[in-house]
Amino acid sequence: MTEPTSIIALPAAPLHALEIWSNPQAVAVRVHKALDFALPAMNRSASNAAITLMRFEPTVWLAEGDISVLADTLGDDGALTAIGGGLVRFRLAGPGWRELLLEGGVFDTSAAVFPVGATAATVIDHVGVRLWVESEDACIAYVPSSFAQSLHHFWEEALPLIGA
């Protein structure tokens, strides 16, 4: 039996906005050396055991996890800003998570366009959200705290419509 699609609010996690505003090539080299992976390209993610970086904007990444090594790495070329208190993380998991995002959403959620490791900044039911495809079976949605309850309710109401 296939598990039904679920919407689970996750516990708070250390989340930071990583911004680079000068010397991007030099910063990229320093970050690669410090983290042992390159800064991810636009709409992609990269990680190691301690941190995941997700790129949603040309010069901004969402950093989830231990950012301690990044503060010195950025120097005066960027900043890390704690934003975890302003976001609620939801895991949408199960066979219908892609269809669920289409309810009130405005982008292509197909696996070919939105594969594992992909990120997207979009609007769902008039709420700006950030999405990260965690696995074939799950996506993490980063939702502004002020809209989290209403978007969670919207998704719960949509589940029967997608047959999940």
Protein backbone atom coordinates (compact mmCIF):
# COMPACT_ATOMS: atom_id res chain seq x y z
CA MET A 1 0.00 0.00 0.00
CA THR A 2 1.28 3.44 -0.91
CA GLU A 3 1.51 5.97 1.91
CA PRO A 4 -0.80 8.97 1.48
CA THR A 5 0.59 12.41 0.83
CA SER A 6 1.37 14.19 4.09
CA ILE A 7 1.99 17.77 5.16
CA ILE A 8 4.17 17.94 8.26
CA ALA A 9 5.35 21.09 10.01
CA LEU A 10 9.00 20.49 10.86
CA PRO A 11 10.78 21.71 13.99
CA ALA A 12 12.66 24.98 13.80
CA ALA A 13 16.11 24.76 12.22
CA PRO A 14 19.04 27.13 11.92
CA LEU A 15 18.28 29.06 8.72
CA HIS A 16 20.31 31.97 7.38
CA ALA A 17 20.29 34.11 4.28
CA LEU A 18 23.78 34.07 2.77
CA GLU A 19 24.32 37.16 0.63
CA ILE A 20 27.33 37.92 -1.53
CA TRP A 21 27.68 41.51 -2.66
CA SER A 22 31.31 41.82 -3.79
CA ASN A 23 34.11 39.66 -5.20
CA PRO A 24 31.75 36.77 -6.07
CA GLN A 25 34.42 34.64 -7.79
CA ALA A 26 36.82 34.94 -4.85
CA VAL A 27 34.04 34.19 -2.36
CA ALA A 28 32.98 31.17 -4.41
CA VAL A 29 36.52 29.78 -4.26
CA ARG A 30 36.71 30.37 -0.48
CA VAL A 31 33.29 28.76 0.12
CA HIS A 32 34.24 25.74 -1.99
CA LYS A 33 37.41 25.29 0.03
CA ALA A 34 35.60 25.73 3.38
CA LEU A 35 32.61 23.47 2.62
CA ASP A 36 34.17 21.03 0.16
CA PHE A 37 31.43 21.79 -2.38
CA ALA A 38 30.77 24.65 -4.78
CA LEU A 39 28.09 27.26 -4.32
CA PRO A 40 25.04 25.81 -6.06
CA ALA A 41 23.84 27.27 -9.34
CA MET A 42 20.56 29.13 -9.63
CA ASN A 43 17.57 26.95 -8.61
CA ARG A 44 19.81 24.20 -7.26
CA SER A 45 21.17 23.02 -3.91
CA ALA A 46 24.35 21.45 -2.57
CA SER A 47 25.25 20.04 0.82
CA ASN A 48 27.58 18.16 3.09
CA ALA A 49 26.87 16.52 6.46
CA ALA A 50 26.66 19.89 8.26
CA ILE A 51 24.98 22.34 5.89
CA THR A 52 22.72 22.65 2.85
CA LEU A 53 22.87 25.69 0.58
CA MET A 54 19.89 26.45 -1.66
CA ARG A 55 20.03 29.15 -4.31
CA PHE A 56 16.84 31.09 -4.97
CA GLU A 57 18.21 34.46 -6.10
CA PRO A 58 21.26 35.56 -8.11
CA THR A 59 23.29 36.61 -5.04
CA VAL A 60 21.35 35.00 -2.16
CA TRP A 61 21.37 31.41 -0.84
CA LEU A 62 19.36 29.90 1.99
CA ALA A 63 21.74 28.13 4.38
CA GLU A 64 20.25 25.42 6.57
CA GLY A 65 22.51 23.93 9.22
CA ASP A 66 25.87 24.84 10.75
CA ILE A 67 27.02 28.13 9.21
CA SER A 68 29.97 28.67 11.60
CA VAL A 69 32.62 28.20 8.90
CA LEU A 70 30.91 30.66 6.54
CA ALA A 71 31.16 33.85 8.64
CA ASP A 72 34.95 34.07 8.30
CA THR A 73 34.81 32.75 4.75
CA LEU A 74 32.62 35.65 3.58
CA GLY A 75 34.78 38.35 5.16
CA ASP A 76 33.61 41.79 4.03
CA ASP A 77 32.22 40.44 0.75
CA GLY A 78 28.87 39.26 2.10
CA ALA A 79 26.72 38.58 5.13
CA LEU A 80 24.81 35.89 6.96
CA THR A 81 21.45 36.90 8.40
CA ALA A 82 19.46 34.64 10.73
CA ILE A 83 15.96 34.22 9.27
CA GLY A 84 14.80 30.99 10.92
CA GLY A 85 12.30 32.75 13.18
CA GLY A 86 10.48 34.16 10.17
CA LEU A 87 9.90 30.86 8.38
CA VAL A 88 8.08 27.60 9.00
CA ARG A 89 9.34 24.50 7.24
CA PHE A 90 6.81 21.98 5.91
CA ARG A 91 7.64 18.59 4.46
CA LEU A 92 5.23 17.61 1.70
CA ALA A 93 5.76 13.90 1.23
CA GLY A 94 4.18 11.00 -0.57
CA PRO A 95 2.95 10.28 -4.06
CA GLY A 96 0.95 13.49 -4.52
CA TRP A 97 3.32 16.20 -3.32
CA ARG A 98 3.98 17.51 -6.83
CA GLU A 99 0.25 17.72 -7.60
CA LEU A 100 -0.37 19.40 -4.25
CA LEU A 101 2.04 22.21 -5.18
CA LEU A 102 0.03 22.77 -8.36
CA GLU A 103 -3.05 23.66 -6.30
CA GLY A 104 -2.75 27.43 -6.18
CA GLY A 105 0.78 27.24 -7.64
CA VAL A 106 2.16 28.75 -10.82
CA PHE A 107 5.09 26.59 -11.97
CA ASP A 108 5.98 23.22 -13.45
CA THR A 109 6.49 20.61 -10.71
CA SER A 110 7.29 17.71 -13.04
CA ALA A 111 10.32 15.61 -12.09
CA ALA A 112 12.03 16.54 -15.36
CA VAL A 113 11.89 20.27 -14.56
CA PHE A 114 11.94 20.10 -10.74
CA PRO A 115 14.26 17.16 -9.87
CA VAL A 116 15.83 16.16 -6.55
CA GLY A 117 18.04 19.00 -5.35
CA ALA A 118 16.13 21.67 -7.29
CA THR A 119 14.88 24.86 -5.64
CA ALA A 120 12.18 27.33 -6.59
CA ALA A 121 10.88 30.63 -5.34
CA THR A 122 7.22 30.91 -6.25
CA VAL A 123 3.76 31.89 -5.12
CA ILE A 124 1.19 29.38 -3.85
CA ASP A 125 -2.28 30.60 -2.90
CA HIS A 126 -0.97 34.20 -2.90
CA VAL A 127 1.89 33.33 -0.50
CA GLY A 128 5.55 33.66 -1.46
CA VAL A 129 7.28 30.35 -0.69
CA ARG A 130 10.66 28.76 -1.25
CA LEU A 131 10.77 25.09 -2.21
CA TRP A 132 13.53 22.50 -2.10
CA VAL A 133 13.14 19.01 -3.55
CA GLU A 134 14.58 16.90 -0.76
CA SER A 135 14.01 13.50 -2.43
CA GLU A 136 11.88 11.83 -5.07
CA ASP A 137 9.16 11.50 -2.45
CA ALA A 138 9.42 14.80 -0.58
CA CYS A 139 9.73 18.55 -0.89
CA ILE A 140 10.47 21.07 1.85
CA ALA A 141 8.46 24.31 1.70
CA TYR A 142 9.78 27.37 3.52
CA VAL A 143 6.74 29.50 4.33
CA PRO A 144 6.61 32.91 6.05
CA SER A 145 5.49 32.36 9.65
CA SER A 146 2.63 34.82 9.28
CA PHE A 147 1.09 32.68 6.48
CA ALA A 148 2.07 29.20 7.68
CA GLN A 149 -1.21 28.28 9.35
CA SER A 150 -3.38 29.44 6.46
CA LEU A 151 -1.20 27.77 3.79
CA HIS A 152 -1.12 24.54 5.80
CA HIS A 153 -4.93 24.66 5.95
CA PHE A 154 -5.09 25.37 2.19
CA TRP A 155 -2.95 22.31 1.47
CA GLU A 156 -4.97 20.10 3.84
CA GLU A 157 -8.17 21.17 2.08
CA ALA A 158 -6.59 20.46 -1.32
CA LEU A 159 -5.48 16.89 -0.51
CA PRO A 160 -8.87 15.29 -1.31
CA LEU A 161 -9.01 17.23 -4.58
CA ILE A 162 -5.82 15.60 -5.85
CA GLY A 163 -6.86 12.19 -4.61
CA ALA A 164 -3.89 11.87 -2.28
